[in-house]
Amino acid sequence: MVAAGASVIIMAFYCFFAMYYHSHIFKGTVVNGQDMSNKTAAEAKELLGIANDEYTLRISGRDGLSKVISAGEIDRTYVDDHSIDDLISYQNTFAWIFETARPREIQLGESASFDKSKAETQINAIMTTLEPGFVYPENARLELDENGMYYVVPEVEGTAVNGDRLRSAVLKALADGRRTLNLDEAGVYEAPAVRQDNETLNARKDAMNKYLSVNVTYPFGDTDEHLNAWTILPMLTGQGADISVSQEEVESLVDSWCHKYSTLDYDFVITNHAGRDQVIPAGGTYGWRLDRSAMITSVLTALENGTKGTIEPIWSVKQYWGRENNGLGKNYVEVDMGEQYMYVYVDGELAVATPVVTGRPDSGRATADGCFETFGKDRNITLGSYDVQGYESPVDYWIAFNGGQGLHDASWRWEGEFGGDTWLYDGSHGCVNVPSSIMGTVYSCVEESEPIVLYY
């Protein structure tokens, strides 16, 4: 009897709460962050309405950006979409004892309306505040380091916001009832198009550096020419990773070397006896000539092979006496016809300095200017003949350098005739007359095939 009574009471208690939860939310239920335990639909809706009035959207972004849009600023109003009613109606009330024993959190869509124009006013205010301080994004790019090698400069993300994307992101967040909006996550910032991990950018860097890593020295006597990053850079051409060497630029570089060091084909400059630059005109018989075609191939091969080290220049005409003083070497003769003075150098040191008389500048008797090779030495010969030249001149020493022109003693001249302006009215027939007292020393100092430079 007692047991039956207890069972009735328990059953009544159980049925009471089963009926109770037909109109109340299960205990332990949190809706949209609010405890709705045992609330009726009306009570729950009132809480959601209060929550609406307290609603804020917190906007965060780069450089400490923090903005808040409140419900009042956009006239946000709670709208009953019957989701609370549905929540209650779908509850399994006969299982209330189990449902209330476990807490649960439910996120319902927050139905609310807001004044879109006022929301856009708030968005425009945000843009107006941010825009003056915008740092615009910069693409990752290549720059040269101090050694002439390319490296990647990382992109700059910046702080510039895209107005259209900001508007869409904020309006959607308000419509969805979100409490927070991170502008980075929402993708509203203007972004660089090229980042430091860009495959094309890095492939271009590697392709350029393949060539720029070449470091070759071409020695030209007392001067070196370098094939390195700074001389190679103007030669490179192409887009993206498709980099090649401009044949035209290589030819231009080699042509500049030809012009600078090929003394057979161009005017060239020496350091004269007075330590000044002196231009020697082209057209002589002594000099150097770079092999243009072979040098172009040499440069191209070095670039393709990533060569490092020293490569000897390739000459089509190469002289024995060395590259010092722009190809004269250390043993040579210098004749300053304007001053009417001759200088003989042996092993780089001045061995003889003497006044001379050169060819009379009229009637085809002028001594040729340029750089010539001494090609014959003789003793005790007679120059000219009465039948051909109209004169015969016996000399003790003879050194030929240009056809019938050469260096020789002139015993018929007295010492005071040498130098000065004698050559203008009583010059030789093209030879360089040297005082007899000096010519023997000159003869012993000058070897065959040595250069002699003559200039006015």
Protein backbone atom coordinates (compact mmCIF):
# COMPACT_ATOMS: atom_id res chain seq x y z
CA MET A 1 0.00 0.00 0.00
CA VAL A 2 2.81 2.38 0.96
CA ALA A 3 4.87 1.40 -2.06
CA ALA A 4 1.93 2.00 -4.35
CA GLY A 5 1.40 5.43 -2.87
CA ALA A 6 5.03 6.34 -3.34
CA SER A 7 4.89 5.26 -6.95
CA VAL A 8 1.88 7.49 -7.53
CA ILE A 9 3.66 10.46 -6.03
CA ILE A 10 6.78 9.89 -8.14
CA MET A 11 4.70 9.52 -11.25
CA ALA A 12 2.82 12.70 -10.49
CA PHE A 13 6.11 14.55 -9.89
CA TYR A 14 7.52 13.27 -13.15
CA CYS A 15 4.40 14.19 -15.11
CA PHE A 16 4.33 17.62 -13.55
CA PHE A 17 7.75 18.49 -14.93
CA ALA A 18 7.00 16.84 -18.22
CA MET A 19 4.06 19.23 -18.53
CA TYR A 20 6.14 22.09 -17.12
CA TYR A 21 8.76 21.78 -19.86
CA HIS A 22 6.05 22.00 -22.49
CA SER A 23 6.19 25.74 -21.82
CA HIS A 24 9.64 26.23 -20.26
CA ILE A 25 13.17 25.81 -21.47
CA PHE A 26 15.09 22.93 -19.96
CA LYS A 27 17.22 23.72 -16.95
CA GLY A 28 20.93 24.12 -17.83
CA THR A 29 20.22 25.59 -21.29
CA VAL A 30 22.30 28.58 -22.38
CA VAL A 31 21.00 30.41 -25.44
CA ASN A 32 23.29 32.87 -27.19
CA GLY A 33 25.40 33.11 -24.07
CA GLN A 34 22.52 33.69 -21.66
CA ASP A 35 21.21 31.28 -19.06
CA MET A 36 17.65 30.44 -20.09
CA SER A 37 17.03 27.76 -17.42
CA ASN A 38 13.31 27.28 -16.76
CA LYS A 39 12.39 30.41 -18.74
CA THR A 40 9.16 30.67 -20.60
CA ALA A 41 9.21 31.81 -24.20
CA ALA A 42 8.12 35.30 -23.15
CA GLU A 43 10.80 35.52 -20.48
CA ALA A 44 13.49 34.26 -22.89
CA LYS A 45 12.43 36.72 -25.56
CA GLU A 46 12.57 39.54 -23.01
CA LEU A 47 16.15 38.57 -22.17
CA LEU A 48 17.06 38.49 -25.85
CA GLY A 49 15.48 41.90 -26.27
CA ILE A 50 17.55 43.26 -23.41
CA ALA A 51 20.62 41.65 -24.92
CA ASN A 52 19.80 43.35 -28.20
CA ASP A 53 19.83 46.73 -26.50
CA GLU A 54 23.24 45.95 -25.10
CA TYR A 55 24.54 44.64 -28.42
CA THR A 56 27.89 45.88 -29.72
CA LEU A 57 30.02 44.89 -32.67
CA ARG A 58 33.68 45.22 -31.77
CA ILE A 59 35.87 45.71 -34.82
CA SER A 60 39.60 45.02 -34.55
CA GLY A 61 42.40 45.26 -37.05
CA ARG A 62 46.04 46.10 -37.69
CA ASP A 63 48.05 48.67 -35.76
CA GLY A 64 45.79 48.33 -32.73
CA LEU A 65 42.63 49.26 -34.61
CA SER A 66 39.59 49.03 -32.31
CA LYS A 67 36.16 50.37 -33.20
CA VAL A 68 32.72 49.68 -31.65
CA ILE A 69 29.30 49.94 -33.25
CA SER A 70 26.48 49.83 -30.68
CA ALA A 71 22.82 48.87 -31.13
CA GLY A 72 21.70 52.43 -30.43
CA GLU A 73 23.91 53.85 -33.20
CA ILE A 74 22.18 51.74 -35.82
CA ASP A 75 18.68 51.50 -34.26
CA ARG A 76 19.04 47.76 -33.80
CA THR A 77 15.76 46.08 -32.76
CA TYR A 78 15.10 42.52 -31.62
CA VAL A 79 12.82 40.60 -33.98
CA ASP A 80 10.88 37.58 -32.74
CA ASP A 81 11.53 34.87 -35.30
CA HIS A 82 9.88 32.18 -33.14
CA SER A 83 13.17 30.34 -32.71
CA ILE A 84 12.58 30.29 -28.93
CA ASP A 85 9.10 28.87 -29.47
CA ASP A 86 10.57 26.24 -31.74
CA LEU A 87 13.25 25.43 -29.20
CA ILE A 88 10.64 24.71 -26.55
CA SER A 89 8.31 22.80 -28.84
CA TYR A 90 11.10 20.50 -29.98
CA GLN A 91 12.11 19.58 -26.45
CA ASN A 92 11.58 15.91 -25.50
CA THR A 93 9.74 16.71 -22.34
CA PHE A 94 9.26 13.09 -21.28
CA ALA A 95 13.06 12.85 -21.13
CA TRP A 96 13.33 15.98 -19.00
CA ILE A 97 15.11 14.19 -16.19
CA PHE A 98 17.94 13.27 -18.52
CA GLU A 99 17.95 16.56 -20.51
CA THR A 100 18.17 18.72 -17.42
CA ALA A 101 20.97 16.62 -16.04
CA ARG A 102 23.38 17.81 -18.74
CA PRO A 103 24.09 21.46 -19.57
CA ARG A 104 23.86 22.55 -23.16
CA GLU A 105 24.69 25.68 -25.09
CA ILE A 106 22.63 26.68 -28.08
CA GLN A 107 23.42 29.41 -30.57
CA LEU A 108 20.32 30.68 -32.27
CA GLY A 109 20.40 33.11 -35.11
CA GLU A 110 19.86 36.52 -33.62
CA SER A 111 17.00 37.97 -35.52
CA ALA A 112 17.26 41.69 -35.42
CA SER A 113 16.70 44.59 -37.70
CA PHE A 114 18.86 47.69 -37.97
CA ASP A 115 18.92 50.89 -39.92
CA LYS A 116 21.24 50.14 -42.84
CA SER A 117 21.83 53.80 -43.64
CA LYS A 118 22.94 54.46 -40.07
CA ALA A 119 25.18 51.41 -40.23
CA GLU A 120 26.80 52.76 -43.39
CA THR A 121 27.27 56.11 -41.66
CA GLN A 122 29.25 54.29 -38.98
CA ILE A 123 31.26 52.44 -41.63
CA ASN A 124 32.04 55.70 -43.45
CA ALA A 125 33.18 57.22 -40.17
CA ILE A 126 35.58 54.33 -39.68
CA MET A 127 37.00 54.85 -43.18
CA THR A 128 37.32 58.60 -42.65
CA THR A 129 39.27 57.99 -39.46
CA LEU A 130 41.56 55.36 -40.95
CA GLU A 131 42.25 56.68 -44.43
CA PRO A 132 44.75 59.49 -43.60
CA GLY A 133 47.02 56.99 -41.92
CA PHE A 134 46.87 54.29 -44.56
CA VAL A 135 50.11 52.51 -45.33
CA TYR A 136 49.57 51.02 -48.75
CA PRO A 137 50.81 47.51 -49.49
CA GLU A 138 54.01 46.97 -51.44
CA ASN A 139 54.87 43.91 -53.45
CA ALA A 140 57.86 41.79 -52.57
CA ARG A 141 60.65 42.74 -54.94
CA LEU A 142 64.25 42.06 -55.85
CA GLU A 143 67.08 44.35 -54.83
CA LEU A 144 70.83 44.19 -55.24
CA ASP A 145 73.06 43.77 -52.22
CA GLU A 146 76.48 45.37 -51.84
CA ASN A 147 78.06 42.47 -53.73
CA GLY A 148 75.74 42.85 -56.71
CA MET A 149 73.59 39.82 -55.93
CA TYR A 150 69.80 39.91 -55.88
CA TYR A 151 67.83 39.18 -52.73
CA VAL A 152 64.11 39.27 -52.00
CA VAL A 153 62.75 42.26 -50.12
CA PRO A 154 59.61 41.03 -48.30
CA GLU A 155 56.23 42.49 -49.10
CA VAL A 156 54.69 45.28 -47.00
CA GLU A 157 51.19 44.34 -45.88
CA GLY A 158 50.23 47.90 -45.02
CA THR A 159 47.07 49.14 -43.32
CA ALA A 160 44.99 50.29 -46.29
CA VAL A 161 41.40 49.06 -46.07
CA ASN A 162 39.28 48.38 -49.13
CA GLY A 163 36.11 50.41 -48.59
CA ASP A 164 33.77 48.06 -50.45
CA ARG A 165 35.05 44.99 -48.63
CA LEU A 166 34.82 46.75 -45.27
CA ARG A 167 31.22 47.73 -45.95
CA SER A 168 30.25 44.18 -46.91
CA ALA A 169 32.04 42.60 -43.95
CA VAL A 170 30.52 44.97 -41.35
CA LEU A 171 26.97 44.75 -42.74
CA LYS A 172 27.17 40.96 -42.80
CA ALA A 173 28.52 40.85 -39.25
CA LEU A 174 25.65 43.09 -38.09
CA ALA A 175 23.10 41.00 -39.94
CA ASP A 176 24.51 37.81 -38.42
CA GLY A 177 24.48 39.29 -34.94
CA ARG A 178 28.21 38.81 -34.48
CA ARG A 179 29.85 40.50 -31.51
CA THR A 180 33.36 40.70 -32.98
CA LEU A 181 34.84 41.28 -36.40
CA ASN A 182 38.55 40.95 -37.16
CA LEU A 183 39.31 42.85 -40.33
CA ASP A 184 42.35 40.70 -41.11
CA GLU A 185 40.28 37.54 -40.96
CA ALA A 186 37.54 39.21 -42.96
CA GLY A 187 40.03 40.01 -45.75
CA VAL A 188 39.20 43.70 -46.03
CA TYR A 189 42.79 44.94 -46.27
CA GLU A 190 44.41 45.76 -49.57
CA ALA A 191 46.99 43.04 -50.12
CA PRO A 192 50.27 42.91 -52.04
CA ALA A 193 49.99 40.96 -55.26
CA VAL A 194 53.48 39.46 -54.91
CA ARG A 195 54.78 37.96 -51.69
CA GLN A 196 58.29 36.86 -50.75
CA ASP A 197 57.51 33.20 -51.39
CA ASN A 198 56.33 33.92 -54.93
CA GLU A 199 57.74 31.20 -57.17
CA THR A 200 58.29 33.43 -60.19
CA LEU A 201 60.05 36.09 -58.10
CA ASN A 202 62.40 33.57 -56.51
CA ALA A 203 63.02 31.81 -59.81
CA ARG A 204 63.97 35.19 -61.34
CA LYS A 205 66.33 35.87 -58.44
CA ASP A 206 68.04 32.52 -58.93
CA ALA A 207 68.24 32.95 -62.70
CA MET A 208 69.79 36.42 -62.36
CA ASN A 209 72.22 35.37 -59.63
CA LYS A 210 73.44 32.48 -61.74
CA TYR A 211 75.00 35.05 -64.06
CA LEU A 212 75.80 37.69 -61.45
CA SER A 213 77.88 35.19 -59.46
CA VAL A 214 80.42 35.09 -62.29
CA ASN A 215 83.66 36.81 -61.27
CA VAL A 216 86.37 36.82 -63.92
CA THR A 217 89.46 38.99 -64.26
CA TYR A 218 90.96 39.68 -67.69
CA PRO A 219 94.49 41.06 -67.13
CA PHE A 220 95.71 43.66 -69.62
CA GLY A 221 99.20 44.35 -68.32
CA ASP A 222 99.00 46.97 -65.60
CA THR A 223 95.19 47.18 -65.95
CA ASP A 224 92.54 44.57 -65.21
CA GLU A 225 89.07 44.32 -66.65
CA HIS A 226 86.46 42.59 -64.54
CA LEU A 227 83.51 40.50 -65.58
CA ASN A 228 81.48 40.73 -62.39
CA ALA A 229 78.01 41.52 -61.16
CA TRP A 230 78.25 45.21 -61.99
CA THR A 231 79.47 44.69 -65.56
CA ILE A 232 77.18 41.70 -66.15
CA LEU A 233 73.95 43.31 -64.95
CA PRO A 234 73.44 45.50 -68.07
CA MET A 235 73.84 42.39 -70.23
CA LEU A 236 70.92 40.50 -68.73
CA THR A 237 67.53 40.54 -70.38
CA GLY A 238 64.22 38.70 -70.13
CA GLN A 239 61.00 38.50 -68.15
CA GLY A 240 60.28 36.44 -65.06
CA ALA A 241 62.66 33.51 -64.72
CA ASP A 242 63.44 33.49 -68.44
CA ILE A 243 66.77 35.32 -68.22
CA SER A 244 69.40 35.36 -70.94
CA VAL A 245 72.51 37.29 -71.91
CA SER A 246 72.20 39.96 -74.57
CA GLN A 247 74.63 39.14 -77.39
CA GLU A 248 74.57 42.80 -78.36
CA GLU A 249 75.65 43.92 -74.87
CA VAL A 250 78.47 41.36 -74.77
CA GLU A 251 79.69 42.59 -78.14
CA SER A 252 79.52 46.16 -76.89
CA LEU A 253 81.64 45.26 -73.84
CA VAL A 254 84.24 43.46 -75.94
CA ASP A 255 84.28 46.34 -78.45
CA SER A 256 85.05 48.73 -75.59
CA TRP A 257 88.01 46.52 -74.61
CA CYS A 258 89.16 46.41 -78.23
CA HIS A 259 89.04 50.18 -78.42
CA LYS A 260 90.89 50.50 -75.13
CA TYR A 261 93.60 47.89 -75.62
CA SER A 262 93.90 47.17 -79.37
CA THR A 263 96.55 49.69 -80.34
CA LEU A 264 96.86 48.56 -83.97
CA ASP A 265 93.39 49.67 -84.95
CA TYR A 266 92.70 52.70 -82.80
CA ASP A 267 94.31 55.82 -81.50
CA PHE A 268 95.67 54.97 -78.10
CA VAL A 269 97.10 56.79 -75.11
CA ILE A 270 100.50 56.39 -73.46
CA THR A 271 102.09 58.15 -70.53
CA ASN A 272 104.80 60.24 -72.14
CA HIS A 273 108.21 61.27 -70.85
CA ALA A 274 106.65 64.19 -68.99
CA GLY A 275 104.11 61.98 -67.22
CA ARG A 276 101.21 63.28 -69.30
CA ASP A 277 98.70 61.36 -71.40
CA GLN A 278 99.75 61.39 -75.02
CA VAL A 279 97.54 60.23 -77.90
CA ILE A 280 99.32 58.05 -80.45
CA PRO A 281 97.46 57.90 -83.78
CA ALA A 282 96.43 54.57 -85.27
CA GLY A 283 97.98 53.21 -88.43
CA GLY A 284 101.41 52.06 -87.37
CA THR A 285 102.96 48.61 -87.65
CA TYR A 286 103.46 47.79 -83.97
CA GLY A 287 100.65 47.07 -81.58
CA TRP A 288 98.13 44.69 -80.13
CA ARG A 289 94.87 43.48 -81.56
CA LEU A 290 92.26 41.68 -79.48
CA ASP A 291 90.58 38.74 -81.18
CA ARG A 292 87.08 40.18 -81.08
CA SER A 293 85.25 36.98 -82.03
CA ALA A 294 87.23 34.81 -79.60
CA MET A 295 86.76 37.32 -76.78
CA ILE A 296 82.98 37.40 -77.32
CA THR A 297 82.94 33.61 -77.10
CA SER A 298 85.14 33.74 -73.98
CA VAL A 299 82.77 36.10 -72.20
CA LEU A 300 79.65 34.16 -73.19
CA THR A 301 81.20 30.87 -72.08
CA ALA A 302 82.26 32.34 -68.73
CA LEU A 303 78.72 33.61 -68.15
CA GLU A 304 77.07 30.31 -69.01
CA ASN A 305 79.53 28.27 -66.92
CA GLY A 306 79.47 30.49 -63.83
CA THR A 307 83.23 30.93 -64.08
CA LYS A 308 85.34 32.44 -61.30
CA GLY A 309 89.04 33.25 -61.67
CA THR A 310 91.42 34.74 -64.21
CA ILE A 311 91.14 34.31 -67.98
CA GLU A 312 93.89 35.55 -70.26
CA PRO A 313 92.77 37.89 -73.05
CA ILE A 314 92.89 36.37 -76.53
CA TRP A 315 94.97 38.38 -79.01
CA SER A 316 95.03 37.98 -82.76
CA VAL A 317 98.21 40.10 -82.70
CA LYS A 318 100.29 39.88 -79.55
CA GLN A 319 103.63 41.58 -78.90
CA TYR A 320 106.61 40.17 -77.09
CA TRP A 321 107.50 43.25 -75.08
CA GLY A 322 104.56 43.33 -72.66
CA ARG A 323 101.48 45.38 -71.89
CA GLU A 324 103.05 48.12 -69.78
CA ASN A 325 102.28 51.69 -70.82
CA ASN A 326 99.30 50.55 -72.87
CA GLY A 327 101.16 47.98 -74.90
CA LEU A 328 104.61 49.52 -75.32
CA GLY A 329 106.15 47.29 -72.68
CA LYS A 330 109.28 48.39 -70.84
CA ASN A 331 111.63 48.76 -73.83
CA TYR A 332 110.65 51.37 -76.37
CA VAL A 333 111.60 54.63 -78.09
CA GLU A 334 109.55 57.79 -77.77
CA VAL A 335 110.01 60.65 -80.23
CA ASP A 336 108.30 63.93 -79.40
CA MET A 337 108.48 65.63 -82.79
CA GLY A 338 106.91 68.81 -81.48
CA GLU A 339 109.77 69.20 -79.01
CA GLN A 340 112.30 67.49 -81.32
CA TYR A 341 113.45 65.20 -78.56
CA MET A 342 113.87 61.44 -78.32
CA TYR A 343 113.71 59.20 -75.24
CA VAL A 344 114.90 55.60 -75.12
CA TYR A 345 113.61 53.34 -72.35
CA VAL A 346 115.21 50.06 -71.26
CA ASP A 347 113.49 47.88 -68.64
CA GLY A 348 111.18 50.76 -67.88
CA GLU A 349 113.99 53.19 -67.11
CA LEU A 350 115.07 56.17 -69.21
CA ALA A 351 118.38 55.20 -70.82
CA VAL A 352 118.84 57.98 -73.40
CA ALA A 353 117.35 61.45 -73.83
CA THR A 354 118.60 63.47 -76.78
CA PRO A 355 117.57 66.24 -79.17
CA VAL A 356 116.91 65.10 -82.73
CA VAL A 357 115.97 66.39 -86.14
CA THR A 358 112.96 64.79 -87.83
CA GLY A 359 111.57 65.09 -91.35
CA ARG A 360 110.86 68.46 -92.85
CA PRO A 361 107.03 68.77 -92.72
CA ASP A 362 106.59 69.85 -96.34
CA SER A 363 107.26 68.33 -99.76
CA GLY A 364 106.39 64.82 -98.56
CA ARG A 365 109.37 64.62 -96.22
CA ALA A 366 107.52 64.52 -92.89
CA THR A 367 108.32 61.74 -90.45
CA ALA A 368 105.27 59.50 -89.97
CA ASP A 369 103.55 59.63 -86.61
CA GLY A 370 102.19 56.51 -84.95
CA CYS A 371 103.57 53.38 -83.35
CA PHE A 372 105.99 51.33 -85.42
CA GLU A 373 108.13 48.23 -85.03
CA THR A 374 111.87 48.44 -85.48
CA PHE A 375 112.62 45.85 -88.12
CA GLY A 376 116.28 46.17 -89.08
CA LYS A 377 119.61 47.26 -87.64
CA ASP A 378 122.74 47.94 -89.68
CA ARG A 379 126.23 49.41 -89.34
CA ASN A 380 128.20 51.56 -91.75
CA ILE A 381 125.72 51.85 -94.60
CA THR A 382 124.88 54.54 -97.10
CA LEU A 383 121.38 55.94 -97.19
CA GLY A 384 119.89 57.02 -100.48
CA SER A 385 121.53 57.37 -103.87
CA TYR A 386 122.13 60.29 -106.15
CA ASP A 387 120.28 58.54 -108.97
CA VAL A 388 117.06 58.03 -106.98
CA GLN A 389 116.92 60.32 -103.96
CA GLY A 390 119.41 62.87 -105.14
CA TYR A 391 121.60 62.38 -102.11
CA GLU A 392 123.87 59.82 -100.51
CA SER A 393 124.42 59.84 -96.75
CA PRO A 394 126.87 57.42 -95.15
CA VAL A 395 125.93 56.57 -91.54
CA ASP A 396 127.54 54.50 -88.82
CA TYR A 397 124.30 53.26 -87.27
CA TRP A 398 120.91 52.52 -88.78
CA ILE A 399 117.66 51.29 -87.14
CA ALA A 400 114.67 51.05 -89.54
CA PHE A 401 111.10 51.50 -88.34
CA ASN A 402 108.80 52.56 -91.23
CA GLY A 403 109.72 51.69 -94.79
CA GLY A 404 112.69 53.87 -95.60
CA GLN A 405 112.45 55.84 -92.36
CA GLY A 406 114.69 55.04 -89.44
CA LEU A 407 116.98 56.26 -86.68
CA HIS A 408 120.55 57.13 -87.65
CA ASP A 409 123.47 59.35 -86.84
CA ALA A 410 123.95 62.50 -88.89
CA SER A 411 127.62 63.43 -88.92
CA TRP A 412 126.92 66.28 -91.32
CA ARG A 413 125.05 68.17 -88.67
CA TRP A 414 126.84 70.05 -85.90
CA GLU A 415 125.60 69.60 -82.34
CA GLY A 416 123.74 72.91 -82.21
CA GLU A 417 121.42 71.91 -85.07
CA PHE A 418 119.67 69.17 -83.14
CA GLY A 419 116.42 70.10 -81.46
CA GLY A 420 114.77 73.49 -81.77
CA ASP A 421 113.16 74.39 -85.10
CA THR A 422 115.79 73.02 -87.49
CA TRP A 423 113.30 70.42 -88.73
CA LEU A 424 110.95 73.11 -90.02
CA TYR A 425 113.39 74.49 -92.61
CA ASP A 426 116.22 71.93 -92.79
CA GLY A 427 114.59 68.71 -91.63
CA SER A 428 115.50 65.24 -92.79
CA HIS A 429 113.86 63.33 -95.62
CA GLY A 430 111.75 61.44 -93.05
CA CYS A 431 114.33 59.79 -90.83
CA VAL A 432 115.12 60.73 -87.25
CA ASN A 433 118.60 62.28 -87.17
CA VAL A 434 120.45 61.58 -83.93
CA PRO A 435 123.70 63.23 -82.82
CA SER A 436 126.69 61.04 -83.71
CA SER A 437 127.92 61.18 -80.13
CA ILE A 438 124.67 59.58 -78.92
CA MET A 439 123.63 57.22 -81.73
CA GLY A 440 126.02 54.46 -80.70
CA THR A 441 124.37 54.26 -77.29
CA VAL A 442 120.93 54.31 -78.89
CA TYR A 443 121.99 51.48 -81.21
CA SER A 444 123.09 49.34 -78.28
CA CYS A 445 119.86 50.00 -76.34
CA VAL A 446 117.29 49.35 -79.06
CA GLU A 447 116.51 45.79 -80.17
CA GLU A 448 114.78 44.71 -83.33
CA SER A 449 110.97 44.39 -83.10
CA GLU A 450 110.79 46.96 -80.30
CA PRO A 451 108.14 49.72 -80.52
CA ILE A 452 108.87 53.29 -81.40
CA VAL A 453 106.17 55.93 -80.93
CA LEU A 454 106.33 59.23 -82.79
CA TYR A 455 103.94 62.12 -82.32
CA TYR A 456 103.65 65.83 -82.87
